[in-house]
Amino acid sequence: MFSPLAAWLICRSYPQAISDAGLWGYSFWGHKRFLPWSEIGGARVVWFFNLKYLLLKSKAEGRVVWFCVTLDYRDQQIFCELARKFAGQEN
């Protein structure tokens, strides 16, 4: 079984950012990527090493951004609020 401490360390080793312009996440290979809210073409939830991620696909380029949703309560509130405000109804 994958240790919760190891999962936390992996998630914290790749810091993410959420803003009104979009979000910063990572590719599967660890390359940092920015995805504007208006460019989100789709999303799905995956579990990877006992961590919950959103795989966000870009409309134009089809590139995927991995965004760890194992956030503390305050971060979850901010993420949900920004997603509702900026992602649009189609997302």
N, C-alpha and C. Protein backbone atom coordinates (compact mmCIF):
# COMPACT_ATOMS: atom_id res chain seq x y z
N MET A 1 0.84 -1.19 0.00
CA MET A 1 0.00 0.00 0.00
C MET A 1 0.88 1.24 0.00
N PHE A 2 0.46 2.22 -0.74
CA PHE A 2 1.21 3.46 -0.87
C PHE A 2 0.98 4.32 0.36
N SER A 3 2.03 4.75 0.98
CA SER A 3 1.95 5.53 2.21
C SER A 3 1.30 6.89 1.98
N PRO A 4 0.39 7.30 2.86
CA PRO A 4 -0.18 8.65 2.75
C PRO A 4 0.88 9.74 2.81
N LEU A 5 1.94 9.52 3.58
CA LEU A 5 3.02 10.51 3.65
C LEU A 5 3.72 10.63 2.29
N ALA A 6 3.99 9.51 1.64
CA ALA A 6 4.62 9.55 0.33
C ALA A 6 3.72 10.23 -0.70
N ALA A 7 2.42 9.97 -0.62
CA ALA A 7 1.47 10.62 -1.52
C ALA A 7 1.47 12.13 -1.31
N TRP A 8 1.50 12.54 -0.06
CA TRP A 8 1.52 13.96 0.25
C TRP A 8 2.80 14.60 -0.28
N LEU A 9 3.93 13.92 -0.12
CA LEU A 9 5.21 14.45 -0.60
C LEU A 9 5.23 14.61 -2.12
N ILE A 10 4.67 13.64 -2.82
CA ILE A 10 4.62 13.73 -4.29
C ILE A 10 3.78 14.93 -4.71
N CYS A 11 2.62 15.09 -4.09
CA CYS A 11 1.72 16.19 -4.43
C CYS A 11 2.39 17.54 -4.13
N ARG A 12 3.09 17.64 -3.03
CA ARG A 12 3.75 18.89 -2.64
C ARG A 12 5.03 19.15 -3.43
N SER A 13 5.62 18.13 -4.02
CA SER A 13 6.84 18.31 -4.81
C SER A 13 6.55 19.00 -6.14
N TYR A 14 5.31 18.96 -6.55
CA TYR A 14 4.88 19.59 -7.80
C TYR A 14 3.82 20.63 -7.48
N PRO A 15 4.24 21.83 -7.04
CA PRO A 15 3.27 22.84 -6.64
C PRO A 15 2.39 23.30 -7.80
N GLN A 16 1.16 23.56 -7.48
CA GLN A 16 0.17 24.00 -8.46
C GLN A 16 -0.31 25.38 -8.07
N ALA A 17 -0.96 26.06 -9.01
CA ALA A 17 -1.49 27.39 -8.72
C ALA A 17 -2.85 27.54 -9.40
N ILE A 18 -3.72 28.25 -8.73
CA ILE A 18 -5.06 28.54 -9.23
C ILE A 18 -5.23 30.06 -9.22
N SER A 19 -5.71 30.62 -10.34
CA SER A 19 -5.96 32.06 -10.38
C SER A 19 -7.20 32.32 -11.23
N ASP A 20 -7.57 33.59 -11.32
CA ASP A 20 -8.72 33.92 -12.15
C ASP A 20 -8.40 33.76 -13.64
N ALA A 21 -7.12 33.68 -14.02
CA ALA A 21 -6.73 33.49 -15.42
C ALA A 21 -6.74 32.02 -15.83
N GLY A 22 -6.52 31.12 -14.89
CA GLY A 22 -6.46 29.70 -15.21
C GLY A 22 -5.75 28.95 -14.11
N LEU A 23 -5.13 27.84 -14.48
CA LEU A 23 -4.40 27.09 -13.46
C LEU A 23 -3.11 26.52 -14.01
N TRP A 24 -2.16 26.36 -13.09
CA TRP A 24 -0.87 25.75 -13.39
C TRP A 24 -0.90 24.33 -12.86
N GLY A 25 -0.54 23.40 -13.70
CA GLY A 25 -0.43 22.01 -13.31
C GLY A 25 0.79 21.42 -14.01
N TYR A 26 0.76 20.12 -14.24
CA TYR A 26 1.91 19.44 -14.84
C TYR A 26 1.45 18.44 -15.88
N SER A 27 2.35 18.17 -16.82
CA SER A 27 2.13 17.08 -17.75
C SER A 27 2.44 15.78 -17.02
N PHE A 28 2.13 14.66 -17.63
CA PHE A 28 2.45 13.36 -17.04
C PHE A 28 3.94 13.24 -16.76
N TRP A 29 4.76 13.87 -17.59
CA TRP A 29 6.22 13.78 -17.48
C TRP A 29 6.81 14.82 -16.55
N GLY A 30 5.98 15.64 -15.91
CA GLY A 30 6.47 16.60 -14.93
C GLY A 30 6.78 17.99 -15.46
N HIS A 31 6.39 18.28 -16.70
CA HIS A 31 6.60 19.61 -17.27
C HIS A 31 5.48 20.53 -16.81
N LYS A 32 5.85 21.69 -16.28
CA LYS A 32 4.84 22.63 -15.78
C LYS A 32 4.08 23.23 -16.96
N ARG A 33 2.75 23.31 -16.81
CA ARG A 33 1.89 23.83 -17.87
C ARG A 33 0.82 24.75 -17.30
N PHE A 34 0.50 25.79 -18.07
CA PHE A 34 -0.59 26.70 -17.71
C PHE A 34 -1.77 26.43 -18.63
N LEU A 35 -2.96 26.40 -18.06
CA LEU A 35 -4.17 26.18 -18.85
C LEU A 35 -5.19 27.25 -18.47
N PRO A 36 -5.49 28.19 -19.41
CA PRO A 36 -6.51 29.20 -19.13
C PRO A 36 -7.88 28.54 -18.98
N TRP A 37 -8.73 29.13 -18.17
CA TRP A 37 -10.08 28.58 -17.95
C TRP A 37 -10.82 28.40 -19.27
N SER A 38 -10.68 29.37 -20.17
CA SER A 38 -11.42 29.32 -21.44
C SER A 38 -10.94 28.21 -22.37
N GLU A 39 -9.77 27.66 -22.12
CA GLU A 39 -9.20 26.61 -22.96
C GLU A 39 -9.49 25.19 -22.46
N ILE A 40 -10.17 25.07 -21.33
CA ILE A 40 -10.46 23.73 -20.81
C ILE A 40 -11.55 23.11 -21.68
N GLY A 41 -11.20 22.03 -22.34
CA GLY A 41 -12.13 21.36 -23.23
C GLY A 41 -12.81 20.16 -22.59
N GLY A 42 -12.24 19.65 -21.55
CA GLY A 42 -12.81 18.50 -20.87
C GLY A 42 -12.00 18.16 -19.63
N ALA A 43 -12.61 17.40 -18.76
CA ALA A 43 -11.93 16.99 -17.53
C ALA A 43 -12.44 15.62 -17.11
N ARG A 44 -11.53 14.86 -16.49
CA ARG A 44 -11.94 13.59 -15.90
C ARG A 44 -11.07 13.34 -14.68
N VAL A 45 -11.58 12.52 -13.79
CA VAL A 45 -10.88 12.19 -12.55
C VAL A 45 -10.14 10.87 -12.74
N VAL A 46 -8.87 10.84 -12.31
CA VAL A 46 -8.09 9.60 -12.29
C VAL A 46 -7.39 9.50 -10.94
N TRP A 47 -7.11 8.28 -10.55
CA TRP A 47 -6.34 8.02 -9.34
C TRP A 47 -4.98 7.51 -9.77
N PHE A 48 -3.91 8.11 -9.24
CA PHE A 48 -2.55 7.73 -9.58
C PHE A 48 -1.74 7.68 -8.29
N PHE A 49 -1.24 6.51 -7.93
CA PHE A 49 -0.52 6.31 -6.68
C PHE A 49 -1.31 6.83 -5.48
N ASN A 50 -2.58 6.49 -5.43
CA ASN A 50 -3.46 6.84 -4.32
C ASN A 50 -3.72 8.34 -4.21
N LEU A 51 -3.46 9.09 -5.28
CA LEU A 51 -3.75 10.52 -5.32
C LEU A 51 -4.82 10.77 -6.37
N LYS A 52 -5.73 11.64 -6.04
CA LYS A 52 -6.82 11.99 -6.96
C LYS A 52 -6.39 13.19 -7.82
N TYR A 53 -6.47 13.02 -9.13
CA TYR A 53 -6.10 14.07 -10.08
C TYR A 53 -7.27 14.38 -11.01
N LEU A 54 -7.31 15.63 -11.46
CA LEU A 54 -8.14 16.01 -12.59
C LEU A 54 -7.23 16.04 -13.81
N LEU A 55 -7.61 15.36 -14.87
CA LEU A 55 -6.92 15.47 -16.14
C LEU A 55 -7.71 16.47 -16.97
N LEU A 56 -7.12 17.62 -17.18
CA LEU A 56 -7.77 18.71 -17.89
C LEU A 56 -7.20 18.78 -19.30
N LYS A 57 -8.07 18.68 -20.29
CA LYS A 57 -7.63 18.67 -21.68
C LYS A 57 -7.88 20.03 -22.32
N SER A 58 -6.86 20.52 -23.01
CA SER A 58 -6.94 21.79 -23.72
C SER A 58 -7.81 21.65 -24.97
N LYS A 59 -8.65 22.64 -25.23
CA LYS A 59 -9.49 22.62 -26.43
C LYS A 59 -8.65 22.69 -27.71
N ALA A 60 -7.76 23.65 -27.76
CA ALA A 60 -7.02 23.92 -28.99
C ALA A 60 -5.92 22.90 -29.27
N GLU A 61 -5.09 22.62 -28.29
CA GLU A 61 -3.91 21.79 -28.52
C GLU A 61 -4.11 20.33 -28.16
N GLY A 62 -5.12 20.05 -27.37
CA GLY A 62 -5.35 18.69 -26.92
C GLY A 62 -4.37 18.22 -25.85
N ARG A 63 -3.52 19.15 -25.35
CA ARG A 63 -2.58 18.80 -24.30
C ARG A 63 -3.31 18.58 -22.98
N VAL A 64 -2.77 17.70 -22.17
CA VAL A 64 -3.40 17.36 -20.90
C VAL A 64 -2.59 17.94 -19.75
N VAL A 65 -3.29 18.55 -18.81
CA VAL A 65 -2.69 19.06 -17.58
C VAL A 65 -3.21 18.22 -16.43
N TRP A 66 -2.28 17.70 -15.63
CA TRP A 66 -2.64 16.93 -14.43
C TRP A 66 -2.72 17.91 -13.27
N PHE A 67 -3.85 17.88 -12.56
CA PHE A 67 -4.04 18.78 -11.43
C PHE A 67 -4.46 17.96 -10.22
N CYS A 68 -3.61 17.93 -9.21
CA CYS A 68 -3.88 17.14 -8.01
C CYS A 68 -5.00 17.79 -7.21
N VAL A 69 -6.05 17.05 -6.93
CA VAL A 69 -7.17 17.60 -6.18
C VAL A 69 -7.17 17.12 -4.73
N THR A 70 -6.05 16.65 -4.27
CA THR A 70 -5.90 16.31 -2.87
C THR A 70 -5.48 17.59 -2.16
N LEU A 71 -6.43 18.49 -2.05
CA LEU A 71 -6.19 19.82 -1.50
C LEU A 71 -6.79 19.92 -0.10
N ASP A 72 -6.28 20.86 0.67
CA ASP A 72 -6.91 21.09 1.96
C ASP A 72 -8.24 21.81 1.74
N TYR A 73 -9.03 21.93 2.78
CA TYR A 73 -10.40 22.44 2.64
C TYR A 73 -10.44 23.85 2.05
N ARG A 74 -9.55 24.73 2.51
CA ARG A 74 -9.54 26.11 2.01
C ARG A 74 -9.23 26.13 0.52
N ASP A 75 -8.24 25.36 0.07
CA ASP A 75 -7.90 25.30 -1.36
C ASP A 75 -9.05 24.74 -2.18
N GLN A 76 -9.77 23.75 -1.65
CA GLN A 76 -10.91 23.19 -2.37
C GLN A 76 -11.99 24.23 -2.57
N GLN A 77 -12.24 25.04 -1.57
CA GLN A 77 -13.25 26.10 -1.69
C GLN A 77 -12.85 27.10 -2.77
N ILE A 78 -11.59 27.52 -2.76
CA ILE A 78 -11.10 28.48 -3.75
C ILE A 78 -11.18 27.89 -5.15
N PHE A 79 -10.75 26.63 -5.31
CA PHE A 79 -10.78 25.98 -6.61
C PHE A 79 -12.21 25.90 -7.15
N CYS A 80 -13.13 25.45 -6.33
CA CYS A 80 -14.53 25.32 -6.77
C CYS A 80 -15.13 26.67 -7.13
N GLU A 81 -14.82 27.68 -6.34
CA GLU A 81 -15.34 29.02 -6.61
C GLU A 81 -14.80 29.55 -7.94
N LEU A 82 -13.50 29.40 -8.19
CA LEU A 82 -12.92 29.86 -9.44
C LEU A 82 -13.40 29.04 -10.63
N ALA A 83 -13.54 27.75 -10.46
CA ALA A 83 -14.04 26.90 -11.55
C ALA A 83 -15.45 27.31 -11.95
N ARG A 84 -16.31 27.54 -10.96
CA ARG A 84 -17.68 27.98 -11.27
C ARG A 84 -17.69 29.31 -11.99
N LYS A 85 -16.82 30.21 -11.56
CA LYS A 85 -16.81 31.57 -12.10
C LYS A 85 -16.20 31.64 -13.50
N PHE A 86 -15.10 30.91 -13.75
CA PHE A 86 -14.34 31.12 -14.98
C PHE A 86 -14.38 29.99 -16.00
N ALA A 87 -14.70 28.78 -15.61
CA ALA A 87 -14.62 27.66 -16.55
C ALA A 87 -15.76 27.66 -17.55
N GLY A 88 -16.87 28.24 -17.23
CA GLY A 88 -17.99 28.29 -18.16
C GLY A 88 -18.91 27.08 -18.00
N GLN A 89 -20.13 27.23 -18.50
CA GLN A 89 -21.15 26.20 -18.34
C GLN A 89 -20.82 24.92 -19.12
N GLU A 90 -20.15 25.06 -20.26
CA GLU A 90 -19.84 23.87 -21.07
C GLU A 90 -18.79 22.98 -20.44
N ASN A 91 -18.10 23.47 -19.42
CA ASN A 91 -17.08 22.68 -18.75
C ASN A 91 -17.61 22.19 -17.42
